[in-house]
Amino acid sequence: ERLVDDGLTRNIGISNFNVQAILDLLTYCKYKPATLQV
C-alpha cells in the first residue's frame, strides 16, 4: 500500500490466494486487491 501512496505502482493485487487468505486480507487492508491471478 505504501508503494501506491508513493506513486510507484498504480494498483496492487494478489495471486494464488484462496478465499480464506483473501477474506483475512480484506479485514485489515486499506486498499483491497485490484486483481486476483489464479
Full PDB file with SEQRES, HELIX, SHEET, SSBOND, CRYST1, ORIGX, SCALE, CONECT and MASTER records, all heavy atoms in Angstrom:
SEQRES   1 A   38  GLU ARG LEU VAL ASP ASP GLY LEU THR ARG ASN ILE GLY          
SEQRES   2 A   38  ILE SER ASN PHE ASN VAL GLN ALA ILE LEU ASP LEU LEU          
SEQRES   3 A   38  THR TYR CYS LYS TYR LYS PRO ALA THR LEU GLN VAL              
HELIX    1 AA1 ARG A    2  ASP A    5  1                                   4    
HELIX    2 AA2 VAL A   19  LEU A   26  1                                   8    
SHEET    1 AA1 2 ILE A  14  SER A  15  0                                        
SHEET    2 AA1 2 LEU A  36  GLN A  37  1                                        
CRYST1    1.000    1.000    1.000  90.00  90.00  90.00 P 1           1          
ORIGX1      1.000000  0.000000  0.000000        0.00000                         
ORIGX2      0.000000  1.000000  0.000000        0.00000                         
ORIGX3      0.000000  0.000000  1.000000        0.00000                         
SCALE1      1.000000  0.000000  0.000000        0.00000                         
SCALE2      0.000000  1.000000  0.000000        0.00000                         
SCALE3      0.000000  0.000000  1.000000        0.00000                         
ATOM      1  N   GLU A   1       0.830  -1.216   0.000  1.00  0.00           N  
ATOM      2  CA  GLU A   1       0.000   0.000   0.000  1.00  0.00           C  
ATOM      3  C   GLU A   1       0.861   1.262   0.000  1.00  0.00           C  
ATOM      4  O   GLU A   1       0.497   2.276  -0.629  1.00  0.00           O  
ATOM      5  CB  GLU A   1      -0.935  -0.027   1.206  1.00  0.00           C  
ATOM      6  CG  GLU A   1      -2.010  -1.106   1.094  1.00  0.00           C  
ATOM      7  CD  GLU A   1      -2.828  -1.297   2.356  1.00  0.00           C  
ATOM      8  OE1 GLU A   1      -2.295  -1.065   3.468  1.00  0.00           O  
ATOM      9  OE2 GLU A   1      -4.005  -1.681   2.238  1.00  0.00           O  
ATOM     10  N   ARG A   2       2.002   1.217   0.665  1.00  0.00           N  
ATOM     11  CA  ARG A   2       2.895   2.386   0.662  1.00  0.00           C  
ATOM     12  C   ARG A   2       3.461   2.644  -0.726  1.00  0.00           C  
ATOM     13  O   ARG A   2       3.713   3.796  -1.092  1.00  0.00           O  
ATOM     14  CB  ARG A   2       4.017   2.186   1.684  1.00  0.00           C  
ATOM     15  CG  ARG A   2       3.535   2.280   3.128  1.00  0.00           C  
ATOM     16  CD  ARG A   2       4.667   2.238   4.137  1.00  0.00           C  
ATOM     17  NE  ARG A   2       4.110   2.287   5.485  1.00  0.00           N  
ATOM     18  CZ  ARG A   2       3.917   1.227   6.261  1.00  0.00           C  
ATOM     19  NH1 ARG A   2       4.254   0.016   5.823  1.00  0.00           N  
ATOM     20  NH2 ARG A   2       3.397   1.353   7.465  1.00  0.00           N  
ATOM     21  N   LEU A   3       3.670   1.597  -1.496  1.00  0.00           N  
ATOM     22  CA  LEU A   3       4.119   1.776  -2.876  1.00  0.00           C  
ATOM     23  C   LEU A   3       3.067   2.546  -3.682  1.00  0.00           C  
ATOM     24  O   LEU A   3       3.400   3.367  -4.533  1.00  0.00           O  
ATOM     25  CB  LEU A   3       4.395   0.423  -3.532  1.00  0.00           C  
ATOM     26  CG  LEU A   3       5.541  -0.409  -2.951  1.00  0.00           C  
ATOM     27  CD1 LEU A   3       5.591  -1.780  -3.627  1.00  0.00           C  
ATOM     28  CD2 LEU A   3       6.877   0.319  -3.105  1.00  0.00           C  
ATOM     29  N   VAL A   4       1.802   2.251  -3.395  1.00  0.00           N  
ATOM     30  CA  VAL A   4       0.708   3.003  -4.030  1.00  0.00           C  
ATOM     31  C   VAL A   4       0.749   4.457  -3.581  1.00  0.00           C  
ATOM     32  O   VAL A   4       0.698   5.387  -4.402  1.00  0.00           O  
ATOM     33  CB  VAL A   4      -0.661   2.375  -3.688  1.00  0.00           C  
ATOM     34  CG1 VAL A   4      -1.794   3.269  -4.168  1.00  0.00           C  
ATOM     35  CG2 VAL A   4      -0.790   0.983  -4.294  1.00  0.00           C  
ATOM     36  N   ASP A   5       0.845   4.673  -2.281  1.00  0.00           N  
ATOM     37  CA  ASP A   5       0.823   6.033  -1.741  1.00  0.00           C  
ATOM     38  C   ASP A   5       1.968   6.882  -2.288  1.00  0.00           C  
ATOM     39  O   ASP A   5       1.827   8.108  -2.434  1.00  0.00           O  
ATOM     40  CB  ASP A   5       0.888   5.995  -0.215  1.00  0.00           C  
ATOM     41  CG  ASP A   5      -0.387   5.464   0.418  1.00  0.00           C  
ATOM     42  OD1 ASP A   5      -1.440   5.519  -0.249  1.00  0.00           O  
ATOM     43  OD2 ASP A   5      -0.330   4.985   1.568  1.00  0.00           O  
ATOM     44  N   ASP A   6       3.092   6.230  -2.590  1.00  0.00           N  
ATOM     45  CA  ASP A   6       4.260   6.954  -3.096  1.00  0.00           C  
ATOM     46  C   ASP A   6       4.282   7.053  -4.617  1.00  0.00           C  
ATOM     47  O   ASP A   6       5.271   7.514  -5.200  1.00  0.00           O  
ATOM     48  CB  ASP A   6       5.545   6.298  -2.586  1.00  0.00           C  
ATOM     49  CG  ASP A   6       5.712   6.466  -1.079  1.00  0.00           C  
ATOM     50  OD1 ASP A   6       5.043   7.349  -0.505  1.00  0.00           O  
ATOM     51  OD2 ASP A   6       6.506   5.712  -0.479  1.00  0.00           O  
ATOM     52  N   GLY A   7       3.206   6.620  -5.260  1.00  0.00           N  
ATOM     53  CA  GLY A   7       3.086   6.774  -6.705  1.00  0.00           C  
ATOM     54  C   GLY A   7       3.961   5.844  -7.524  1.00  0.00           C  
ATOM     55  O   GLY A   7       4.190   6.085  -8.711  1.00  0.00           O  
ATOM     56  N   LEU A   8       4.425   4.753  -6.911  1.00  0.00           N  
ATOM     57  CA  LEU A   8       5.320   3.838  -7.621  1.00  0.00           C  
ATOM     58  C   LEU A   8       4.565   2.743  -8.367  1.00  0.00           C  
ATOM     59  O   LEU A   8       5.031   2.265  -9.401  1.00  0.00           O  
ATOM     60  CB  LEU A   8       6.309   3.215  -6.625  1.00  0.00           C  
ATOM     61  CG  LEU A   8       7.275   4.224  -6.005  1.00  0.00           C  
ATOM     62  CD1 LEU A   8       8.042   3.599  -4.851  1.00  0.00           C  
ATOM     63  CD2 LEU A   8       8.240   4.749  -7.068  1.00  0.00           C  
ATOM     64  N   THR A   9       3.436   2.345  -7.833  1.00  0.00           N  
ATOM     65  CA  THR A   9       2.552   1.426  -8.556  1.00  0.00           C  
ATOM     66  C   THR A   9       1.128   1.948  -8.439  1.00  0.00           C  
ATOM     67  O   THR A   9       0.720   2.438  -7.382  1.00  0.00           O  
ATOM     68  CB  THR A   9       2.652  -0.014  -8.024  1.00  0.00           C  
ATOM     69  OG1 THR A   9       1.800  -0.869  -8.806  1.00  0.00           O  
ATOM     70  CG2 THR A   9       2.227  -0.128  -6.567  1.00  0.00           C  
ATOM     71  N   ARG A  10       0.386   1.859  -9.514  1.00  0.00           N  
ATOM     72  CA  ARG A  10      -0.975   2.399  -9.500  1.00  0.00           C  
ATOM     73  C   ARG A  10      -1.943   1.448  -8.802  1.00  0.00           C  
ATOM     74  O   ARG A  10      -2.884   1.880  -8.135  1.00  0.00           O  
ATOM     75  CB  ARG A  10      -1.448   2.672 -10.927  1.00  0.00           C  
ATOM     76  CG  ARG A  10      -0.730   3.861 -11.565  1.00  0.00           C  
ATOM     77  CD  ARG A  10      -1.385   4.285 -12.860  1.00  0.00           C  
ATOM     78  NE  ARG A  10      -2.816   4.524 -12.715  1.00  0.00           N  
ATOM     79  CZ  ARG A  10      -3.368   5.617 -12.162  1.00  0.00           C  
ATOM     80  NH1 ARG A  10      -2.583   6.574 -11.689  1.00  0.00           N  
ATOM     81  NH2 ARG A  10      -4.680   5.747 -12.093  1.00  0.00           N  
ATOM     82  N   ASN A  11      -1.721   0.149  -8.958  1.00  0.00           N  
ATOM     83  CA  ASN A  11      -2.625  -0.855  -8.392  1.00  0.00           C  
ATOM     84  C   ASN A  11      -1.807  -1.966  -7.756  1.00  0.00           C  
ATOM     85  O   ASN A  11      -0.659  -2.220  -8.152  1.00  0.00           O  
ATOM     86  CB  ASN A  11      -3.506  -1.451  -9.495  1.00  0.00           C  
ATOM     87  CG  ASN A  11      -4.322  -0.401 -10.237  1.00  0.00           C  
ATOM     88  OD1 ASN A  11      -5.375   0.018  -9.782  1.00  0.00           O  
ATOM     89  ND2 ASN A  11      -3.813   0.043 -11.393  1.00  0.00           N  
ATOM     90  N   ILE A  12      -2.415  -2.646  -6.796  1.00  0.00           N  
ATOM     91  CA  ILE A  12      -1.770  -3.805  -6.167  1.00  0.00           C  
ATOM     92  C   ILE A  12      -2.753  -4.968  -6.174  1.00  0.00           C  
ATOM     93  O   ILE A  12      -3.973  -4.783  -6.128  1.00  0.00           O  
ATOM     94  CB  ILE A  12      -1.274  -3.497  -4.734  1.00  0.00           C  
ATOM     95  CG1 ILE A  12      -2.367  -2.821  -3.896  1.00  0.00           C  
ATOM     96  CG2 ILE A  12      -0.014  -2.655  -4.773  1.00  0.00           C  
ATOM     97  CD1 ILE A  12      -1.948  -2.524  -2.456  1.00  0.00           C  
ATOM     98  N   GLY A  13      -2.204  -6.177  -6.242  1.00  0.00           N  
ATOM     99  CA  GLY A  13      -3.056  -7.352  -6.327  1.00  0.00           C  
ATOM    100  C   GLY A  13      -2.400  -8.570  -5.730  1.00  0.00           C  
ATOM    101  O   GLY A  13      -1.335  -8.498  -5.100  1.00  0.00           O  
ATOM    102  N   ILE A  14      -3.036  -9.702  -5.951  1.00  0.00           N  
ATOM    103  CA  ILE A  14      -2.606 -10.956  -5.343  1.00  0.00           C  
ATOM    104  C   ILE A  14      -2.689 -12.081  -6.376  1.00  0.00           C  
ATOM    105  O   ILE A  14      -3.374 -11.957  -7.387  1.00  0.00           O  
ATOM    106  CB  ILE A  14      -3.477 -11.306  -4.109  1.00  0.00           C  
ATOM    107  CG1 ILE A  14      -4.964 -11.245  -4.477  1.00  0.00           C  
ATOM    108  CG2 ILE A  14      -3.149 -10.389  -2.939  1.00  0.00           C  
ATOM    109  CD1 ILE A  14      -5.918 -11.569  -3.339  1.00  0.00           C  
ATOM    110  N   SER A  15      -1.997 -13.156  -6.080  1.00  0.00           N  
ATOM    111  CA  SER A  15      -2.008 -14.310  -6.967  1.00  0.00           C  
ATOM    112  C   SER A  15      -1.927 -15.575  -6.124  1.00  0.00           C  
ATOM    113  O   SER A  15      -1.243 -15.603  -5.094  1.00  0.00           O  
ATOM    114  CB  SER A  15      -0.808 -14.233  -7.934  1.00  0.00           C  
ATOM    115  OG  SER A  15      -0.785 -15.331  -8.814  1.00  0.00           O  
ATOM    116  N   ASN A  16      -2.638 -16.594  -6.556  1.00  0.00           N  
ATOM    117  CA  ASN A  16      -2.607 -17.906  -5.892  1.00  0.00           C  
ATOM    118  C   ASN A  16      -3.107 -17.846  -4.444  1.00  0.00           C  
ATOM    119  O   ASN A  16      -2.691 -18.635  -3.607  1.00  0.00           O  
ATOM    120  CB  ASN A  16      -1.193 -18.502  -5.952  1.00  0.00           C  
ATOM    121  CG  ASN A  16      -0.734 -18.718  -7.377  1.00  0.00           C  
ATOM    122  OD1 ASN A  16      -1.353 -19.441  -8.150  1.00  0.00           O  
ATOM    123  ND2 ASN A  16       0.368 -18.062  -7.748  1.00  0.00           N  
ATOM    124  N   PHE A  17      -4.013 -16.928  -4.162  1.00  0.00           N  
ATOM    125  CA  PHE A  17      -4.671 -16.836  -2.854  1.00  0.00           C  
ATOM    126  C   PHE A  17      -6.005 -17.577  -2.935  1.00  0.00           C  
ATOM    127  O   PHE A  17      -6.704 -17.488  -3.953  1.00  0.00           O  
ATOM    128  CB  PHE A  17      -4.967 -15.390  -2.491  1.00  0.00           C  
ATOM    129  CG  PHE A  17      -3.816 -14.602  -1.923  1.00  0.00           C  
ATOM    130  CD1 PHE A  17      -2.572 -14.572  -2.549  1.00  0.00           C  
ATOM    131  CD2 PHE A  17      -3.993 -13.855  -0.767  1.00  0.00           C  
ATOM    132  CE1 PHE A  17      -1.528 -13.820  -2.035  1.00  0.00           C  
ATOM    133  CE2 PHE A  17      -2.950 -13.091  -0.238  1.00  0.00           C  
ATOM    134  CZ  PHE A  17      -1.708 -13.079  -0.875  1.00  0.00           C  
ATOM    135  N   ASN A  18      -6.366 -18.257  -1.851  1.00  0.00           N  
ATOM    136  CA  ASN A  18      -7.706 -18.839  -1.791  1.00  0.00           C  
ATOM    137  C   ASN A  18      -8.640 -17.889  -1.038  1.00  0.00           C  
ATOM    138  O   ASN A  18      -8.226 -16.815  -0.590  1.00  0.00           O  
ATOM    139  CB  ASN A  18      -7.676 -20.234  -1.154  1.00  0.00           C  
ATOM    140  CG  ASN A  18      -7.202 -20.206   0.300  1.00  0.00           C  
ATOM    141  OD1 ASN A  18      -7.119 -19.157   0.928  1.00  0.00           O  
ATOM    142  ND2 ASN A  18      -6.890 -21.370   0.839  1.00  0.00           N  
ATOM    143  N   VAL A  19      -9.903 -18.269  -0.899  1.00  0.00           N  
ATOM    144  CA  VAL A  19     -10.887 -17.381  -0.265  1.00  0.00           C  
ATOM    145  C   VAL A  19     -10.496 -17.056   1.169  1.00  0.00           C  
ATOM    146  O   VAL A  19     -10.616 -15.908   1.612  1.00  0.00           O  
ATOM    147  CB  VAL A  19     -12.300 -18.008  -0.332  1.00  0.00           C  
ATOM    148  CG1 VAL A  19     -13.269 -17.252   0.580  1.00  0.00           C  
ATOM    149  CG2 VAL A  19     -12.825 -17.991  -1.769  1.00  0.00           C  
ATOM    150  N   GLN A  20     -10.006 -18.043   1.905  1.00  0.00           N  
ATOM    151  CA  GLN A  20      -9.645 -17.790   3.302  1.00  0.00           C  
ATOM    152  C   GLN A  20      -8.557 -16.720   3.400  1.00  0.00           C  
ATOM    153  O   GLN A  20      -8.644 -15.802   4.228  1.00  0.00           O  
ATOM    154  CB  GLN A  20      -9.168 -19.081   3.964  1.00  0.00           C  
ATOM    155  CG  GLN A  20      -8.845 -18.899   5.445  1.00  0.00           C  
ATOM    156  CD  GLN A  20      -8.428 -20.201   6.110  1.00  0.00           C  
ATOM    157  OE1 GLN A  20      -8.363 -21.236   5.459  1.00  0.00           O  
ATOM    158  NE2 GLN A  20      -8.139 -20.143   7.392  1.00  0.00           N  
ATOM    159  N   ALA A  21      -7.531 -16.816   2.542  1.00  0.00           N  
ATOM    160  CA  ALA A  21      -6.446 -15.832   2.564  1.00  0.00           C  
ATOM    161  C   ALA A  21      -6.950 -14.453   2.144  1.00  0.00           C  
ATOM    162  O   ALA A  21      -6.539 -13.431   2.713  1.00  0.00           O  
ATOM    163  CB  ALA A  21      -5.314 -16.290   1.650  1.00  0.00           C  
ATOM    164  N   ILE A  22      -7.847 -14.406   1.156  1.00  0.00           N  
ATOM    165  CA  ILE A  22      -8.395 -13.124   0.700  1.00  0.00           C  
ATOM    166  C   ILE A  22      -9.271 -12.504   1.781  1.00  0.00           C  
ATOM    167  O   ILE A  22      -9.194 -11.303   2.060  1.00  0.00           O  
ATOM    168  CB  ILE A  22      -9.207 -13.309  -0.595  1.00  0.00           C  
ATOM    169  CG1 ILE A  22      -8.314 -13.839  -1.722  1.00  0.00           C  
ATOM    170  CG2 ILE A  22      -9.847 -11.988  -1.026  1.00  0.00           C  
ATOM    171  CD1 ILE A  22      -9.091 -14.315  -2.935  1.00  0.00           C  
ATOM    172  N   LEU A  23     -10.103 -13.332   2.405  1.00  0.00           N  
ATOM    173  CA  LEU A  23     -11.006 -12.835   3.449  1.00  0.00           C  
ATOM    174  C   LEU A  23     -10.213 -12.231   4.595  1.00  0.00           C  
ATOM    175  O   LEU A  23     -10.563 -11.155   5.118  1.00  0.00           O  
ATOM    176  CB  LEU A  23     -11.884 -13.980   3.952  1.00  0.00           C  
ATOM    177  CG  LEU A  23     -13.035 -13.609   4.892  1.00  0.00           C  
ATOM    178  CD1 LEU A  23     -13.987 -12.622   4.239  1.00  0.00           C  
ATOM    179  CD2 LEU A  23     -13.787 -14.865   5.312  1.00  0.00           C  
ATOM    180  N   ASP A  24      -9.128 -12.871   4.978  1.00  0.00           N  
ATOM    181  CA  ASP A  24      -8.282 -12.335   6.039  1.00  0.00           C  
ATOM    182  C   ASP A  24      -7.704 -10.982   5.617  1.00  0.00           C  
ATOM    183  O   ASP A  24      -7.753 -10.009   6.381  1.00  0.00           O  
ATOM    184  CB  ASP A  24      -7.153 -13.314   6.358  1.00  0.00           C  
ATOM    185  CG  ASP A  24      -6.261 -12.815   7.476  1.00  0.00           C  
ATOM    186  OD1 ASP A  24      -6.773 -12.586   8.593  1.00  0.00           O  
ATOM    187  OD2 ASP A  24      -5.046 -12.634   7.231  1.00  0.00           O  
ATOM    188  N   LEU A  25      -7.210 -10.895   4.390  1.00  0.00           N  
ATOM    189  CA  LEU A  25      -6.629  -9.648   3.892  1.00  0.00           C  
ATOM    190  C   LEU A  25      -7.662  -8.518   3.901  1.00  0.00           C  
ATOM    191  O   LEU A  25      -7.350  -7.372   4.257  1.00  0.00           O  
ATOM    192  CB  LEU A  25      -6.061  -9.880   2.492  1.00  0.00           C  
ATOM    193  CG  LEU A  25      -5.169  -8.808   1.868  1.00  0.00           C  
ATOM    194  CD1 LEU A  25      -4.273  -9.428   0.794  1.00  0.00           C  
ATOM    195  CD2 LEU A  25      -5.967  -7.688   1.246  1.00  0.00           C  
ATOM    196  N   LEU A  26      -8.895  -8.845   3.551  1.00  0.00           N  
ATOM    197  CA  LEU A  26      -9.946  -7.825   3.488  1.00  0.00           C  
ATOM    198  C   LEU A  26     -10.323  -7.272   4.857  1.00  0.00           C  
ATOM    199  O   LEU A  26     -10.950  -6.214   4.947  1.00  0.00           O  
ATOM    200  CB  LEU A  26     -11.191  -8.396   2.800  1.00  0.00           C  
ATOM    201  CG  LEU A  26     -11.052  -8.709   1.305  1.00  0.00           C  
ATOM    202  CD1 LEU A  26     -12.334  -9.351   0.772  1.00  0.00           C  
ATOM    203  CD2 LEU A  26     -10.699  -7.467   0.495  1.00  0.00           C  
ATOM    204  N   THR A  27      -9.934  -7.965   5.932  1.00  0.00           N  
ATOM    205  CA  THR A  27     -10.257  -7.473   7.274  1.00  0.00           C  
ATOM    206  C   THR A  27      -9.340  -6.337   7.720  1.00  0.00           C  
ATOM    207  O   THR A  27      -9.671  -5.626   8.673  1.00  0.00           O  
ATOM    208  CB  THR A  27     -10.195  -8.604   8.325  1.00  0.00           C  
ATOM    209  OG1 THR A  27      -8.841  -9.081   8.434  1.00  0.00           O  
ATOM    210  CG2 THR A  27     -11.121  -9.745   7.979  1.00  0.00           C  
ATOM    211  N   TYR A  28      -8.181  -6.196   7.069  1.00  0.00           N  
ATOM    212  CA  TYR A  28      -7.249  -5.164   7.536  1.00  0.00           C  
ATOM    213  C   TYR A  28      -6.724  -4.236   6.437  1.00  0.00           C  
ATOM    214  O   TYR A  28      -6.100  -3.225   6.745  1.00  0.00           O  
ATOM    215  CB  TYR A  28      -6.050  -5.801   8.259  1.00  0.00           C  
ATOM    216  CG  TYR A  28      -5.294  -6.824   7.456  1.00  0.00           C  
ATOM    217  CD1 TYR A  28      -4.437  -6.448   6.427  1.00  0.00           C  
ATOM    218  CD2 TYR A  28      -5.415  -8.181   7.742  1.00  0.00           C  
ATOM    219  CE1 TYR A  28      -3.742  -7.394   5.694  1.00  0.00           C  
ATOM    220  CE2 TYR A  28      -4.725  -9.140   7.010  1.00  0.00           C  
ATOM    221  CZ  TYR A  28      -3.881  -8.736   5.991  1.00  0.00           C  
ATOM    222  OH  TYR A  28      -3.189  -9.677   5.262  1.00  0.00           O  
ATOM    223  N   CYS A  29      -6.964  -4.530   5.199  1.00  0.00           N  
ATOM    224  CA  CYS A  29      -6.343  -3.740   4.132  1.00  0.00           C  
ATOM    225  C   CYS A  29      -6.914  -2.322   4.074  1.00  0.00           C  
ATOM    226  O   CYS A  29      -8.095  -2.092   4.340  1.00  0.00           O  
ATOM    227  CB  CYS A  29      -6.508  -4.433   2.787  1.00  0.00           C  
ATOM    228  SG  CYS A  29      -8.209  -4.576   2.200  1.00  0.00           S  
ATOM    229  N   LYS A  30      -6.067  -1.373   3.712  1.00  0.00           N  
ATOM    230  CA  LYS A  30      -6.520  -0.023   3.380  1.00  0.00           C  
ATOM    231  C   LYS A  30      -7.020   0.009   1.943  1.00  0.00           C  
ATOM    232  O   LYS A  30      -8.032   0.640   1.641  1.00  0.00           O  
ATOM    233  CB  LYS A  30      -5.375   0.979   3.578  1.00  0.00           C  
ATOM    234  CG  LYS A  30      -5.754   2.413   3.236  1.00  0.00           C  
ATOM    235  CD  LYS A  30      -4.697   3.416   3.704  1.00  0.00           C  
ATOM    236  CE  LYS A  30      -3.424   3.334   2.883  1.00  0.00           C  
ATOM    237  NZ  LYS A  30      -2.493   4.455   3.169  1.00  0.00           N  
ATOM    238  N   TYR A  31      -6.280  -0.657   1.056  1.00  0.00           N  
ATOM    239  CA  TYR A  31      -6.668  -0.789  -0.344  1.00  0.00           C  
ATOM    240  C   TYR A  31      -6.902  -2.267  -0.639  1.00  0.00           C  
ATOM    241  O   TYR A  31      -5.987  -3.072  -0.488  1.00  0.00           O  
ATOM    242  CB  TYR A  31      -5.573  -0.274  -1.283  1.00  0.00           C  
ATOM    243  CG  TYR A  31      -5.112   1.141  -1.005  1.00  0.00           C  
ATOM    244  CD1 TYR A  31      -3.768   1.466  -1.046  1.00  0.00           C  
ATOM    245  CD2 TYR A  31      -6.028   2.158  -0.700  1.00  0.00           C  
ATOM    246  CE1 TYR A  31      -3.330   2.761  -0.812  1.00  0.00           C  
ATOM    247  CE2 TYR A  31      -5.597   3.454  -0.451  1.00  0.00           C  
ATOM    248  CZ  TYR A  31      -4.242   3.747  -0.502  1.00  0.00           C  
ATOM    249  OH  TYR A  31      -3.823   5.026  -0.248  1.00  0.00           O  
ATOM    250  N   LYS A  32      -8.104  -2.605  -1.029  1.00  0.00           N  
ATOM    251  CA  LYS A  32      -8.366  -4.004  -1.366  1.00  0.00           C  
ATOM    252  C   LYS A  32      -7.613  -4.363  -2.648  1.00  0.00           C  
ATOM    253  O   LYS A  32      -7.316  -3.483  -3.466  1.00  0.00           O  
ATOM    254  CB  LYS A  32      -9.864  -4.271  -1.502  1.00  0.00           C  
ATOM    255  CG  LYS A  32     -10.504  -3.703  -2.743  1.00  0.00           C  
ATOM    256  CD  LYS A  32     -11.872  -4.342  -3.031  1.00  0.00           C  
ATOM    257  CE  LYS A  32     -12.891  -4.048  -1.971  1.00  0.00           C  
ATOM    258  NZ  LYS A  32     -14.248  -4.540  -2.367  1.00  0.00           N  
ATOM    259  N   PRO A  33      -7.292  -5.632  -2.850  1.00  0.00           N  
ATOM    260  CA  PRO A  33      -6.609  -6.024  -4.079  1.00  0.00           C  
ATOM    261  C   PRO A  33      -7.433  -5.630  -5.303  1.00  0.00           C  
ATOM    262  O   PRO A  33      -8.660  -5.767  -5.319  1.00  0.00           O  
ATOM    263  CB  PRO A  33      -6.501  -7.548  -3.967  1.00  0.00           C  
ATOM    264  CG  PRO A  33      -6.664  -7.847  -2.509  1.00  0.00           C  
ATOM    265  CD  PRO A  33      -7.557  -6.782  -1.964  1.00  0.00           C  
ATOM    266  N   ALA A  34      -6.740  -5.147  -6.336  1.00  0.00           N  
ATOM    267  CA  ALA A  34      -7.416  -4.819  -7.590  1.00  0.00           C  
ATOM    268  C   ALA A  34      -7.711  -6.078  -8.378  1.00  0.00           C  
ATOM    269  O   ALA A  34      -8.731  -6.163  -9.067  1.00  0.00           O  
ATOM    270  CB  ALA A  34      -6.558  -3.868  -8.428  1.00  0.00           C  
ATOM    271  N   THR A  35      -6.809  -7.060  -8.271  1.00  0.00           N  
ATOM    272  CA  THR A  35      -6.951  -8.284  -9.059  1.00  0.00           C  
ATOM    273  C   THR A  35      -6.494  -9.495  -8.257  1.00  0.00           C  
ATOM    274  O   THR A  35      -5.697  -9.385  -7.323  1.00  0.00           O  
ATOM    275  CB  THR A  35      -6.104  -8.239 -10.351  1.00  0.00           C  
ATOM    276  OG1 THR A  35      -4.707  -8.258 -10.011  1.00  0.00           O  
ATOM    277  CG2 THR A  35      -6.405  -7.002 -11.192  1.00  0.00           C  
ATOM    278  N   LEU A  36      -7.007 -10.638  -8.671  1.00  0.00           N  
ATOM    279  CA  LEU A  36      -6.522 -11.946  -8.233  1.00  0.00           C  
ATOM    280  C   LEU A  36      -6.113 -12.710  -9.482  1.00  0.00           C  
ATOM    281  O   LEU A  36      -6.893 -12.803 -10.440  1.00  0.00           O  
ATOM    282  CB  LEU A  36      -7.622 -12.721  -7.498  1.00  0.00           C  
ATOM    283  CG  LEU A  36      -7.340 -14.216  -7.271  1.00  0.00           C  
ATOM    284  CD1 LEU A  36      -6.214 -14.416  -6.257  1.00  0.00           C  
ATOM    285  CD2 LEU A  36      -8.605 -14.952  -6.830  1.00  0.00           C  
ATOM    286  N   GLN A  37      -4.911 -13.253  -9.474  1.00  0.00           N  
ATOM    287  CA  GLN A  37      -4.465 -14.066 -10.599  1.00  0.00           C  
ATOM    288  C   GLN A  37      -4.371 -15.524 -10.136  1.00  0.00           C  
ATOM    289  O   GLN A  37      -3.703 -15.820  -9.144  1.00  0.00           O  
ATOM    290  CB  GLN A  37      -3.105 -13.575 -11.104  1.00  0.00           C  
ATOM    291  CG  GLN A  37      -2.693 -14.209 -12.414  1.00  0.00           C  
ATOM    292  CD  GLN A  37      -1.451 -13.587 -13.011  1.00  0.00           C  
ATOM    293  OE1 GLN A  37      -0.492 -14.292 -13.336  1.00  0.00           O  
ATOM    294  NE2 GLN A  37      -1.444 -12.276 -13.162  1.00  0.00           N  
ATOM    295  N   VAL A  38      -5.092 -16.408 -10.856  1.00  0.00           N  
ATOM    296  CA  VAL A  38      -5.119 -17.820 -10.476  1.00  0.00           C  
ATOM    297  C   VAL A  38      -5.189 -18.702 -11.720  1.00  0.00           C  
ATOM    298  O   VAL A  38      -5.559 -18.248 -12.799  1.00  0.00           O  
ATOM    299  CB  VAL A  38      -6.330 -18.155  -9.563  1.00  0.00           C  
ATOM    300  CG1 VAL A  38      -6.109 -17.692  -8.150  1.00  0.00           C  
ATOM    301  CG2 VAL A  38      -7.623 -17.587 -10.131  1.00  0.00           C  
TER     302      VAL A  38                                                      
MASTER        0    0    0    2    2    0    0    6  301    1    0    3          
END                                                                             
